[in-house]
mmCIF file of all heavy atoms, coordinates in Angstrom:
data_MODEL
# 
_entry.id   MODEL 
# 
loop_
_atom_site.group_PDB 
_atom_site.id 
_atom_site.type_symbol 
_atom_site.label_atom_id 
_atom_site.label_alt_id 
_atom_site.label_comp_id 
_atom_site.label_asym_id 
_atom_site.label_entity_id 
_atom_site.label_seq_id 
_atom_site.pdbx_PDB_ins_code 
_atom_site.Cartn_x 
_atom_site.Cartn_y 
_atom_site.Cartn_z 
_atom_site.occupancy 
_atom_site.B_iso_or_equiv 
_atom_site.pdbx_formal_charge 
_atom_site.auth_seq_id 
_atom_site.auth_comp_id 
_atom_site.auth_asym_id 
_atom_site.auth_atom_id 
_atom_site.pdbx_PDB_model_num 
ATOM 1   N N   . VAL A 1 1  ? -17.804 90.252  26.347 1.00 0.00 ? 1  VAL A N   1 
ATOM 2   C CA  . VAL A 1 1  ? -18.547 89.121  26.901 1.00 0.00 ? 1  VAL A CA  1 
ATOM 3   C C   . VAL A 1 1  ? -20.033 89.370  26.666 1.00 0.00 ? 1  VAL A C   1 
ATOM 4   O O   . VAL A 1 1  ? -20.477 90.522  26.601 1.00 0.00 ? 1  VAL A O   1 
ATOM 5   C CB  . VAL A 1 1  ? -18.239 88.954  28.407 1.00 0.00 ? 1  VAL A CB  1 
ATOM 6   C CG1 . VAL A 1 1  ? -18.721 90.149  29.205 1.00 0.00 ? 1  VAL A CG1 1 
ATOM 7   C CG2 . VAL A 1 1  ? -18.821 87.661  28.962 1.00 0.00 ? 1  VAL A CG2 1 
ATOM 8   N N   . GLN A 1 2  ? -20.779 88.314  26.557 1.00 0.00 ? 2  GLN A N   1 
ATOM 9   C CA  . GLN A 1 2  ? -22.231 88.438  26.392 1.00 0.00 ? 2  GLN A CA  1 
ATOM 10  C C   . GLN A 1 2  ? -22.897 88.726  27.734 1.00 0.00 ? 2  GLN A C   1 
ATOM 11  O O   . GLN A 1 2  ? -22.359 88.374  28.786 1.00 0.00 ? 2  GLN A O   1 
ATOM 12  C CB  . GLN A 1 2  ? -22.805 87.156  25.793 1.00 0.00 ? 2  GLN A CB  1 
ATOM 13  C CG  . GLN A 1 2  ? -22.357 86.903  24.361 1.00 0.00 ? 2  GLN A CG  1 
ATOM 14  C CD  . GLN A 1 2  ? -23.063 85.702  23.753 1.00 0.00 ? 2  GLN A CD  1 
ATOM 15  O OE1 . GLN A 1 2  ? -23.616 84.865  24.463 1.00 0.00 ? 2  GLN A OE1 1 
ATOM 16  N NE2 . GLN A 1 2  ? -23.055 85.635  22.436 1.00 0.00 ? 2  GLN A NE2 1 
ATOM 17  N N   . PRO A 1 3  ? -24.063 89.348  27.704 1.00 0.00 ? 3  PRO A N   1 
ATOM 18  C CA  . PRO A 1 3  ? -24.793 89.562  28.962 1.00 0.00 ? 3  PRO A CA  1 
ATOM 19  C C   . PRO A 1 3  ? -24.991 88.250  29.716 1.00 0.00 ? 3  PRO A C   1 
ATOM 20  O O   . PRO A 1 3  ? -25.299 87.220  29.108 1.00 0.00 ? 3  PRO A O   1 
ATOM 21  C CB  . PRO A 1 3  ? -26.131 90.145  28.482 1.00 0.00 ? 3  PRO A CB  1 
ATOM 22  C CG  . PRO A 1 3  ? -25.793 90.831  27.205 1.00 0.00 ? 3  PRO A CG  1 
ATOM 23  C CD  . PRO A 1 3  ? -24.743 89.970  26.559 1.00 0.00 ? 3  PRO A CD  1 
ATOM 24  N N   . GLY A 1 4  ? -24.784 88.317  31.017 1.00 0.00 ? 4  GLY A N   1 
ATOM 25  C CA  . GLY A 1 4  ? -24.874 87.121  31.834 1.00 0.00 ? 4  GLY A CA  1 
ATOM 26  C C   . GLY A 1 4  ? -23.560 86.382  31.971 1.00 0.00 ? 4  GLY A C   1 
ATOM 27  O O   . GLY A 1 4  ? -23.455 85.442  32.770 1.00 0.00 ? 4  GLY A O   1 
ATOM 28  N N   . GLY A 1 5  ? -22.570 86.774  31.212 1.00 0.00 ? 5  GLY A N   1 
ATOM 29  C CA  . GLY A 1 5  ? -21.284 86.106  31.255 1.00 0.00 ? 5  GLY A CA  1 
ATOM 30  C C   . GLY A 1 5  ? -20.394 86.613  32.378 1.00 0.00 ? 5  GLY A C   1 
ATOM 31  O O   . GLY A 1 5  ? -20.790 87.452  33.192 1.00 0.00 ? 5  GLY A O   1 
ATOM 32  N N   . SER A 1 6  ? -19.162 86.108  32.398 1.00 0.00 ? 6  SER A N   1 
ATOM 33  C CA  . SER A 1 6  ? -18.210 86.433  33.468 1.00 0.00 ? 6  SER A CA  1 
ATOM 34  C C   . SER A 1 6  ? -16.858 86.843  32.895 1.00 0.00 ? 6  SER A C   1 
ATOM 35  O O   . SER A 1 6  ? -16.468 86.388  31.815 1.00 0.00 ? 6  SER A O   1 
ATOM 36  C CB  . SER A 1 6  ? -18.002 85.220  34.381 1.00 0.00 ? 6  SER A CB  1 
ATOM 37  O OG  . SER A 1 6  ? -19.201 84.855  35.024 1.00 0.00 ? 6  SER A OG  1 
ATOM 38  N N   . LEU A 1 7  ? -16.181 87.668  33.639 1.00 0.00 ? 7  LEU A N   1 
ATOM 39  C CA  . LEU A 1 7  ? -14.812 88.057  33.334 1.00 0.00 ? 7  LEU A CA  1 
ATOM 40  C C   . LEU A 1 7  ? -14.066 88.218  34.646 1.00 0.00 ? 7  LEU A C   1 
ATOM 41  O O   . LEU A 1 7  ? -14.666 88.470  35.685 1.00 0.00 ? 7  LEU A O   1 
ATOM 42  C CB  . LEU A 1 7  ? -14.753 89.380  32.566 1.00 0.00 ? 7  LEU A CB  1 
ATOM 43  C CG  . LEU A 1 7  ? -15.133 89.393  31.089 1.00 0.00 ? 7  LEU A CG  1 
ATOM 44  C CD1 . LEU A 1 7  ? -15.149 90.832  30.577 1.00 0.00 ? 7  LEU A CD1 1 
ATOM 45  C CD2 . LEU A 1 7  ? -14.181 88.543  30.264 1.00 0.00 ? 7  LEU A CD2 1 
ATOM 46  N N   . ARG A 1 8  ? -12.762 88.083  34.567 1.00 0.00 ? 8  ARG A N   1 
ATOM 47  C CA  . ARG A 1 8  ? -11.922 88.289  35.747 1.00 0.00 ? 8  ARG A CA  1 
ATOM 48  C C   . ARG A 1 8  ? -10.814 89.259  35.402 1.00 0.00 ? 8  ARG A C   1 
ATOM 49  O O   . ARG A 1 8  ? -10.105 89.075  34.406 1.00 0.00 ? 8  ARG A O   1 
ATOM 50  C CB  . ARG A 1 8  ? -11.338 86.958  36.226 1.00 0.00 ? 8  ARG A CB  1 
ATOM 51  C CG  . ARG A 1 8  ? -10.658 87.023  37.578 1.00 0.00 ? 8  ARG A CG  1 
ATOM 52  C CD  . ARG A 1 8  ? -10.268 85.630  38.049 1.00 0.00 ? 8  ARG A CD  1 
ATOM 53  N NE  . ARG A 1 8  ? -9.676  85.610  39.374 1.00 0.00 ? 8  ARG A NE  1 
ATOM 54  C CZ  . ARG A 1 8  ? -10.364 85.459  40.490 1.00 0.00 ? 8  ARG A CZ  1 
ATOM 55  N NH1 . ARG A 1 8  ? -11.676 85.341  40.445 1.00 0.00 ? 8  ARG A NH1 1 
ATOM 56  N NH2 . ARG A 1 8  ? -9.734  85.444  41.670 1.00 0.00 ? 8  ARG A NH2 1 
ATOM 57  N N   . LEU A 1 9  ? -10.669 90.291  36.202 1.00 0.00 ? 9  LEU A N   1 
ATOM 58  C CA  . LEU A 1 9  ? -9.606  91.282  36.038 1.00 0.00 ? 9  LEU A CA  1 
ATOM 59  C C   . LEU A 1 9  ? -8.545  91.064  37.109 1.00 0.00 ? 9  LEU A C   1 
ATOM 60  O O   . LEU A 1 9  ? -8.861  90.738  38.240 1.00 0.00 ? 9  LEU A O   1 
ATOM 61  C CB  . LEU A 1 9  ? -10.167 92.695  36.166 1.00 0.00 ? 9  LEU A CB  1 
ATOM 62  C CG  . LEU A 1 9  ? -11.266 93.103  35.191 1.00 0.00 ? 9  LEU A CG  1 
ATOM 63  C CD1 . LEU A 1 9  ? -11.746 94.511  35.507 1.00 0.00 ? 9  LEU A CD1 1 
ATOM 64  C CD2 . LEU A 1 9  ? -10.778 93.007  33.762 1.00 0.00 ? 9  LEU A CD2 1 
ATOM 65  N N   . SER A 1 10 ? -7.313  91.258  36.724 1.00 0.00 ? 10 SER A N   1 
ATOM 66  C CA  . SER A 1 10 ? -6.204  91.100  37.658 1.00 0.00 ? 10 SER A CA  1 
ATOM 67  C C   . SER A 1 10 ? -5.365  92.368  37.697 1.00 0.00 ? 10 SER A C   1 
ATOM 68  O O   . SER A 1 10 ? -5.170  93.024  36.674 1.00 0.00 ? 10 SER A O   1 
ATOM 69  C CB  . SER A 1 10 ? -5.343  89.907  37.245 1.00 0.00 ? 10 SER A CB  1 
ATOM 70  O OG  . SER A 1 10 ? -4.245  89.754  38.132 1.00 0.00 ? 10 SER A OG  1 
ATOM 71  N N   . CYS A 1 11 ? -4.864  92.685  38.876 1.00 0.00 ? 11 CYS A N   1 
ATOM 72  C CA  . CYS A 1 11 ? -3.992  93.847  39.071 1.00 0.00 ? 11 CYS A CA  1 
ATOM 73  C C   . CYS A 1 11 ? -2.835  93.409  39.954 1.00 0.00 ? 11 CYS A C   1 
ATOM 74  O O   . CYS A 1 11 ? -3.053  93.064  41.125 1.00 0.00 ? 11 CYS A O   1 
ATOM 75  C CB  . CYS A 1 11 ? -4.781  94.975  39.718 1.00 0.00 ? 11 CYS A CB  1 
ATOM 76  S SG  . CYS A 1 11 ? -3.812  96.447  40.127 1.00 0.00 ? 11 CYS A SG  1 
ATOM 77  N N   . VAL A 1 12 ? -1.653  93.404  39.396 1.00 0.00 ? 12 VAL A N   1 
ATOM 78  C CA  . VAL A 1 12 ? -0.468  92.984  40.144 1.00 0.00 ? 12 VAL A CA  1 
ATOM 79  C C   . VAL A 1 12 ? 0.381   94.199  40.455 1.00 0.00 ? 12 VAL A C   1 
ATOM 80  O O   . VAL A 1 12 ? 0.805   94.924  39.547 1.00 0.00 ? 12 VAL A O   1 
ATOM 81  C CB  . VAL A 1 12 ? 0.358   91.960  39.358 1.00 0.00 ? 12 VAL A CB  1 
ATOM 82  C CG1 . VAL A 1 12 ? 1.578   91.529  40.185 1.00 0.00 ? 12 VAL A CG1 1 
ATOM 83  C CG2 . VAL A 1 12 ? -0.489  90.747  39.002 1.00 0.00 ? 12 VAL A CG2 1 
ATOM 84  N N   . GLY A 1 13 ? 0.608   94.420  41.725 1.00 0.00 ? 13 GLY A N   1 
ATOM 85  C CA  . GLY A 1 13 ? 1.412   95.559  42.140 1.00 0.00 ? 13 GLY A CA  1 
ATOM 86  C C   . GLY A 1 13 ? 2.856   95.180  42.387 1.00 0.00 ? 13 GLY A C   1 
ATOM 87  O O   . GLY A 1 13 ? 3.171   94.049  42.749 1.00 0.00 ? 13 GLY A O   1 
ATOM 88  N N   . SER A 1 14 ? 3.739   96.127  42.158 1.00 0.00 ? 14 SER A N   1 
ATOM 89  C CA  . SER A 1 14 ? 5.146   95.924  42.458 1.00 0.00 ? 14 SER A CA  1 
ATOM 90  C C   . SER A 1 14 ? 5.715   97.206  43.053 1.00 0.00 ? 14 SER A C   1 
ATOM 91  O O   . SER A 1 14 ? 5.205   98.301  42.810 1.00 0.00 ? 14 SER A O   1 
ATOM 92  C CB  . SER A 1 14 ? 5.932   95.527  41.197 1.00 0.00 ? 14 SER A CB  1 
ATOM 93  O OG  . SER A 1 14 ? 5.838   96.543  40.223 1.00 0.00 ? 14 SER A OG  1 
ATOM 94  N N   . GLY A 1 15 ? 6.754   97.016  43.839 1.00 0.00 ? 15 GLY A N   1 
ATOM 95  C CA  . GLY A 1 15 ? 7.410   98.189  44.416 1.00 0.00 ? 15 GLY A CA  1 
ATOM 96  C C   . GLY A 1 15 ? 6.773   98.713  45.670 1.00 0.00 ? 15 GLY A C   1 
ATOM 97  O O   . GLY A 1 15 ? 7.077   99.836  46.108 1.00 0.00 ? 15 GLY A O   1 
ATOM 98  N N   . PHE A 1 16 ? 5.859   97.944  46.280 1.00 0.00 ? 16 PHE A N   1 
ATOM 99  C CA  . PHE A 1 16 ? 5.269   98.401  47.525 1.00 0.00 ? 16 PHE A CA  1 
ATOM 100 C C   . PHE A 1 16 ? 4.871   97.236  48.412 1.00 0.00 ? 16 PHE A C   1 
ATOM 101 O O   . PHE A 1 16 ? 4.740   96.105  47.954 1.00 0.00 ? 16 PHE A O   1 
ATOM 102 C CB  . PHE A 1 16 ? 4.069   99.313  47.251 1.00 0.00 ? 16 PHE A CB  1 
ATOM 103 C CG  . PHE A 1 16 ? 2.880   98.624  46.631 1.00 0.00 ? 16 PHE A CG  1 
ATOM 104 C CD1 . PHE A 1 16 ? 1.868   98.110  47.415 1.00 0.00 ? 16 PHE A CD1 1 
ATOM 105 C CD2 . PHE A 1 16 ? 2.763   98.513  45.258 1.00 0.00 ? 16 PHE A CD2 1 
ATOM 106 C CE1 . PHE A 1 16 ? 0.757   97.492  46.843 1.00 0.00 ? 16 PHE A CE1 1 
ATOM 107 C CE2 . PHE A 1 16 ? 1.656   97.903  44.679 1.00 0.00 ? 16 PHE A CE2 1 
ATOM 108 C CZ  . PHE A 1 16 ? 0.655   97.389  45.478 1.00 0.00 ? 16 PHE A CZ  1 
ATOM 109 N N   . ASN A 1 17 ? 4.670   97.568  49.672 1.00 0.00 ? 17 ASN A N   1 
ATOM 110 C CA  . ASN A 1 17 ? 4.233   96.598  50.665 1.00 0.00 ? 17 ASN A CA  1 
ATOM 111 C C   . ASN A 1 17 ? 2.705   96.656  50.743 1.00 0.00 ? 17 ASN A C   1 
ATOM 112 O O   . ASN A 1 17 ? 2.129   97.676  51.097 1.00 0.00 ? 17 ASN A O   1 
ATOM 113 C CB  . ASN A 1 17 ? 4.833   96.941  52.031 1.00 0.00 ? 17 ASN A CB  1 
ATOM 114 C CG  . ASN A 1 17 ? 4.458   95.928  53.102 1.00 0.00 ? 17 ASN A CG  1 
ATOM 115 O OD1 . ASN A 1 17 ? 3.552   95.128  52.929 1.00 0.00 ? 17 ASN A OD1 1 
ATOM 116 N ND2 . ASN A 1 17 ? 5.155   95.959  54.211 1.00 0.00 ? 17 ASN A ND2 1 
ATOM 117 N N   . PHE A 1 18 ? 2.052   95.569  50.398 1.00 0.00 ? 18 PHE A N   1 
ATOM 118 C CA  . PHE A 1 18 ? 0.592   95.526  50.340 1.00 0.00 ? 18 PHE A CA  1 
ATOM 119 C C   . PHE A 1 18 ? -0.047  96.004  51.633 1.00 0.00 ? 18 PHE A C   1 
ATOM 120 O O   . PHE A 1 18 ? -1.069  96.676  51.613 1.00 0.00 ? 18 PHE A O   1 
ATOM 121 C CB  . PHE A 1 18 ? 0.148   94.096  50.023 1.00 0.00 ? 18 PHE A CB  1 
ATOM 122 C CG  . PHE A 1 18 ? -1.334  93.927  49.903 1.00 0.00 ? 18 PHE A CG  1 
ATOM 123 C CD1 . PHE A 1 18 ? -1.974  94.149  48.693 1.00 0.00 ? 18 PHE A CD1 1 
ATOM 124 C CD2 . PHE A 1 18 ? -2.097  93.541  50.998 1.00 0.00 ? 18 PHE A CD2 1 
ATOM 125 C CE1 . PHE A 1 18 ? -3.349  93.996  48.573 1.00 0.00 ? 18 PHE A CE1 1 
ATOM 126 C CE2 . PHE A 1 18 ? -3.465  93.375  50.883 1.00 0.00 ? 18 PHE A CE2 1 
ATOM 127 C CZ  . PHE A 1 18 ? -4.097  93.612  49.667 1.00 0.00 ? 18 PHE A CZ  1 
ATOM 128 N N   . ASP A 1 19 ? 0.567   95.695  52.758 1.00 0.00 ? 19 ASP A N   1 
ATOM 129 C CA  . ASP A 1 19 ? -0.033  96.026  54.045 1.00 0.00 ? 19 ASP A CA  1 
ATOM 130 C C   . ASP A 1 19 ? -0.045  97.532  54.326 1.00 0.00 ? 19 ASP A C   1 
ATOM 131 O O   . ASP A 1 19 ? -0.716  97.981  55.252 1.00 0.00 ? 19 ASP A O   1 
ATOM 132 C CB  . ASP A 1 19 ? 0.693   95.302  55.175 1.00 0.00 ? 19 ASP A CB  1 
ATOM 133 C CG  . ASP A 1 19 ? 0.414   93.809  55.170 1.00 0.00 ? 19 ASP A CG  1 
ATOM 134 O OD1 . ASP A 1 19 ? -0.673  93.412  54.674 1.00 0.00 ? 19 ASP A OD1 1 
ATOM 135 O OD2 . ASP A 1 19 ? 1.263   93.035  55.626 1.00 0.00 ? 19 ASP A OD2 1 
ATOM 136 N N   . ASP A 1 20 ? 0.681   98.312  53.539 1.00 0.00 ? 20 ASP A N   1 
ATOM 137 C CA  . ASP A 1 20 ? 0.724   99.759  53.719 1.00 0.00 ? 20 ASP A CA  1 
ATOM 138 C C   . ASP A 1 20 ? -0.221  100.490 52.769 1.00 0.00 ? 20 ASP A C   1 
ATOM 139 O O   . ASP A 1 20 ? -0.330  101.717 52.832 1.00 0.00 ? 20 ASP A O   1 
ATOM 140 C CB  . ASP A 1 20 ? 2.138   100.288 53.480 1.00 0.00 ? 20 ASP A CB  1 
ATOM 141 C CG  . ASP A 1 20 ? 3.126   99.793  54.512 1.00 0.00 ? 20 ASP A CG  1 
ATOM 142 O OD1 . ASP A 1 20 ? 2.698   99.497  55.652 1.00 0.00 ? 20 ASP A OD1 1 
ATOM 143 O OD2 . ASP A 1 20 ? 4.323   99.681  54.176 1.00 0.00 ? 20 ASP A OD2 1 
ATOM 144 N N   . TYR A 1 21 ? -0.894  99.745  51.914 1.00 0.00 ? 21 TYR A N   1 
ATOM 145 C CA  . TYR A 1 21 ? -1.695  100.359 50.852 1.00 0.00 ? 21 TYR A CA  1 
ATOM 146 C C   . TYR A 1 21 ? -3.145  99.898  50.900 1.00 0.00 ? 21 TYR A C   1 
ATOM 147 O O   . TYR A 1 21 ? -3.451  98.780  51.315 1.00 0.00 ? 21 TYR A O   1 
ATOM 148 C CB  . TYR A 1 21 ? -1.117  100.005 49.473 1.00 0.00 ? 21 TYR A CB  1 
ATOM 149 C CG  . TYR A 1 21 ? 0.101   100.796 49.097 1.00 0.00 ? 21 TYR A CG  1 
ATOM 150 C CD1 . TYR A 1 21 ? 1.327   100.519 49.693 1.00 0.00 ? 21 TYR A CD1 1 
ATOM 151 C CD2 . TYR A 1 21 ? 0.040   101.822 48.163 1.00 0.00 ? 21 TYR A CD2 1 
ATOM 152 C CE1 . TYR A 1 21 ? 2.460   101.242 49.365 1.00 0.00 ? 21 TYR A CE1 1 
ATOM 153 C CE2 . TYR A 1 21 ? 1.162   102.547 47.819 1.00 0.00 ? 21 TYR A CE2 1 
ATOM 154 C CZ  . TYR A 1 21 ? 2.376   102.257 48.424 1.00 0.00 ? 21 TYR A CZ  1 
ATOM 155 O OH  . TYR A 1 21 ? 3.494   102.981 48.086 1.00 0.00 ? 21 TYR A OH  1 
ATOM 156 N N   . ALA A 1 22 ? -4.012  100.798 50.455 1.00 0.00 ? 22 ALA A N   1 
ATOM 157 C CA  . ALA A 1 22 ? -5.397  100.458 50.156 1.00 0.00 ? 22 ALA A CA  1 
ATOM 158 C C   . ALA A 1 22 ? -5.541  100.445 48.639 1.00 0.00 ? 22 ALA A C   1 
ATOM 159 O O   . ALA A 1 22 ? -4.882  101.222 47.943 1.00 0.00 ? 22 ALA A O   1 
ATOM 160 C CB  . ALA A 1 22 ? -6.347  101.482 50.769 1.00 0.00 ? 22 ALA A CB  1 
ATOM 161 N N   . MET A 1 23 ? -6.401  99.569  48.154 1.00 0.00 ? 23 MET A N   1 
ATOM 162 C CA  . MET A 1 23 ? -6.522  99.423  46.702 1.00 0.00 ? 23 MET A CA  1 
ATOM 163 C C   . MET A 1 23 ? -7.983  99.333  46.308 1.00 0.00 ? 23 MET A C   1 
ATOM 164 O O   . MET A 1 23 ? -8.837  98.951  47.125 1.00 0.00 ? 23 MET A O   1 
ATOM 165 C CB  . MET A 1 23 ? -5.775  98.174  46.231 1.00 0.00 ? 23 MET A CB  1 
ATOM 166 C CG  . MET A 1 23 ? -4.280  98.220  46.516 1.00 0.00 ? 23 MET A CG  1 
ATOM 167 S SD  . MET A 1 23 ? -3.406  96.753  45.920 1.00 0.00 ? 23 MET A SD  1 
ATOM 168 C CE  . MET A 1 23 ? -3.488  97.006  44.148 1.00 0.00 ? 23 MET A CE  1 
ATOM 169 N N   . GLY A 1 24 ? -8.248  99.643  45.061 1.00 0.00 ? 24 GLY A N   1 
ATOM 170 C CA  . GLY A 1 24 ? -9.623  99.565  44.593 1.00 0.00 ? 24 GLY A CA  1 
ATOM 171 C C   . GLY A 1 24 ? -9.710  99.412  43.088 1.00 0.00 ? 24 GLY A C   1 
ATOM 172 O O   . GLY A 1 24 ? -8.737  99.632  42.360 1.00 0.00 ? 24 GLY A O   1 
ATOM 173 N N   . TRP A 1 25 ? -10.887 99.021  42.662 1.00 0.00 ? 25 TRP A N   1 
ATOM 174 C CA  . TRP A 1 25 ? -11.213 98.959  41.238 1.00 0.00 ? 25 TRP A CA  1 
ATOM 175 C C   . TRP A 1 25 ? -12.222 100.066 40.935 1.00 0.00 ? 25 TRP A C   1 
ATOM 176 O O   . TRP A 1 25 ? -13.222 100.226 41.652 1.00 0.00 ? 25 TRP A O   1 
ATOM 177 C CB  . TRP A 1 25 ? -11.816 97.610  40.872 1.00 0.00 ? 25 TRP A CB  1 
ATOM 178 C CG  . TRP A 1 25 ? -10.807 96.514  40.782 1.00 0.00 ? 25 TRP A CG  1 
ATOM 179 C CD1 . TRP A 1 25 ? -10.480 95.600  41.742 1.00 0.00 ? 25 TRP A CD1 1 
ATOM 180 C CD2 . TRP A 1 25 ? -9.988  96.225  39.652 1.00 0.00 ? 25 TRP A CD2 1 
ATOM 181 N NE1 . TRP A 1 25 ? -9.501  94.763  41.293 1.00 0.00 ? 25 TRP A NE1 1 
ATOM 182 C CE2 . TRP A 1 25 ? -9.177  95.111  40.000 1.00 0.00 ? 25 TRP A CE2 1 
ATOM 183 C CE3 . TRP A 1 25 ? -9.847  96.760  38.380 1.00 0.00 ? 25 TRP A CE3 1 
ATOM 184 C CZ2 . TRP A 1 25 ? -8.241  94.550  39.117 1.00 0.00 ? 25 TRP A CZ2 1 
ATOM 185 C CZ3 . TRP A 1 25 ? -8.926  96.210  37.510 1.00 0.00 ? 25 TRP A CZ3 1 
ATOM 186 C CH2 . TRP A 1 25 ? -8.140  95.112  37.879 1.00 0.00 ? 25 TRP A CH2 1 
ATOM 187 N N   . PHE A 1 26 ? -11.939 100.787 39.866 1.00 0.00 ? 26 PHE A N   1 
ATOM 188 C CA  . PHE A 1 26 ? -12.791 101.870 39.428 1.00 0.00 ? 26 PHE A CA  1 
ATOM 189 C C   . PHE A 1 26 ? -13.167 101.624 37.969 1.00 0.00 ? 26 PHE A C   1 
ATOM 190 O O   . PHE A 1 26 ? -12.460 100.912 37.252 1.00 0.00 ? 26 PHE A O   1 
ATOM 191 C CB  . PHE A 1 26 ? -12.056 103.212 39.556 1.00 0.00 ? 26 PHE A CB  1 
ATOM 192 C CG  . PHE A 1 26 ? -11.654 103.542 40.964 1.00 0.00 ? 26 PHE A CG  1 
ATOM 193 C CD1 . PHE A 1 26 ? -10.534 102.957 41.536 1.00 0.00 ? 26 PHE A CD1 1 
ATOM 194 C CD2 . PHE A 1 26 ? -12.393 104.426 41.725 1.00 0.00 ? 26 PHE A CD2 1 
ATOM 195 C CE1 . PHE A 1 26 ? -10.160 103.235 42.840 1.00 0.00 ? 26 PHE A CE1 1 
ATOM 196 C CE2 . PHE A 1 26 ? -12.030 104.722 43.029 1.00 0.00 ? 26 PHE A CE2 1 
ATOM 197 C CZ  . PHE A 1 26 ? -10.914 104.126 43.590 1.00 0.00 ? 26 PHE A CZ  1 
ATOM 198 N N   . ARG A 1 27 ? -14.252 102.243 37.548 1.00 0.00 ? 27 ARG A N   1 
ATOM 199 C CA  . ARG A 1 27 ? -14.613 102.126 36.138 1.00 0.00 ? 27 ARG A CA  1 
ATOM 200 C C   . ARG A 1 27 ? -15.130 103.459 35.641 1.00 0.00 ? 27 ARG A C   1 
ATOM 201 O O   . ARG A 1 27 ? -15.663 104.266 36.405 1.00 0.00 ? 27 ARG A O   1 
ATOM 202 C CB  . ARG A 1 27 ? -15.647 101.020 35.927 1.00 0.00 ? 27 ARG A CB  1 
ATOM 203 C CG  . ARG A 1 27 ? -17.036 101.315 36.480 1.00 0.00 ? 27 ARG A CG  1 
ATOM 204 C CD  . ARG A 1 27 ? -17.946 100.111 36.295 1.00 0.00 ? 27 ARG A CD  1 
ATOM 205 N NE  . ARG A 1 27 ? -19.296 100.375 36.794 1.00 0.00 ? 27 ARG A NE  1 
ATOM 206 C CZ  . ARG A 1 27 ? -20.236 99.445  36.895 1.00 0.00 ? 27 ARG A CZ  1 
ATOM 207 N NH1 . ARG A 1 27 ? -19.987 98.189  36.529 1.00 0.00 ? 27 ARG A NH1 1 
ATOM 208 N NH2 . ARG A 1 27 ? -21.438 99.767  37.347 1.00 0.00 ? 27 ARG A NH2 1 
ATOM 209 N N   . GLN A 1 28 ? -14.981 103.638 34.341 1.00 0.00 ? 28 GLN A N   1 
ATOM 210 C CA  . GLN A 1 28 ? -15.497 104.851 33.704 1.00 0.00 ? 28 GLN A CA  1 
ATOM 211 C C   . GLN A 1 28 ? -16.088 104.477 32.364 1.00 0.00 ? 28 GLN A C   1 
ATOM 212 O O   . GLN A 1 28 ? -15.385 103.969 31.485 1.00 0.00 ? 28 GLN A O   1 
ATOM 213 C CB  . GLN A 1 28 ? -14.406 105.909 33.546 1.00 0.00 ? 28 GLN A CB  1 
ATOM 214 C CG  . GLN A 1 28 ? -14.929 107.240 33.045 1.00 0.00 ? 28 GLN A CG  1 
ATOM 215 C CD  . GLN A 1 28 ? -13.922 108.354 33.194 1.00 0.00 ? 28 GLN A CD  1 
ATOM 216 O OE1 . GLN A 1 28 ? -12.722 108.138 33.316 1.00 0.00 ? 28 GLN A OE1 1 
ATOM 217 N NE2 . GLN A 1 28 ? -14.408 109.595 33.213 1.00 0.00 ? 28 GLN A NE2 1 
ATOM 218 N N   . ALA A 1 29 ? -17.372 104.728 32.234 1.00 0.00 ? 29 ALA A N   1 
ATOM 219 C CA  . ALA A 1 29 ? -18.066 104.498 30.972 1.00 0.00 ? 29 ALA A CA  1 
ATOM 220 C C   . ALA A 1 29 ? -18.013 105.776 30.147 1.00 0.00 ? 29 ALA A C   1 
ATOM 221 O O   . ALA A 1 29 ? -17.865 106.877 30.692 1.00 0.00 ? 29 ALA A O   1 
ATOM 222 C CB  . ALA A 1 29 ? -19.512 104.093 31.239 1.00 0.00 ? 29 ALA A CB  1 
ATOM 223 N N   . PRO A 1 30 ? -18.136 105.666 28.829 1.00 0.00 ? 30 PRO A N   1 
ATOM 224 C CA  . PRO A 1 30 ? -18.098 106.862 27.976 1.00 0.00 ? 30 PRO A CA  1 
ATOM 225 C C   . PRO A 1 30 ? -19.132 107.893 28.403 1.00 0.00 ? 30 PRO A C   1 
ATOM 226 O O   . PRO A 1 30 ? -20.303 107.566 28.598 1.00 0.00 ? 30 PRO A O   1 
ATOM 227 C CB  . PRO A 1 30 ? -18.402 106.300 26.586 1.00 0.00 ? 30 PRO A CB  1 
ATOM 228 C CG  . PRO A 1 30 ? -17.941 104.890 26.646 1.00 0.00 ? 30 PRO A CG  1 
ATOM 229 C CD  . PRO A 1 30 ? -18.246 104.430 28.044 1.00 0.00 ? 30 PRO A CD  1 
# 
């Protein structure tokens, strides 16, 4: 994407009850 633009990331979980879990987004640059 160009600077100033937008993106949307999605994460779909399976095999667990959402209310029992904490979740997060992490990133790692080179």
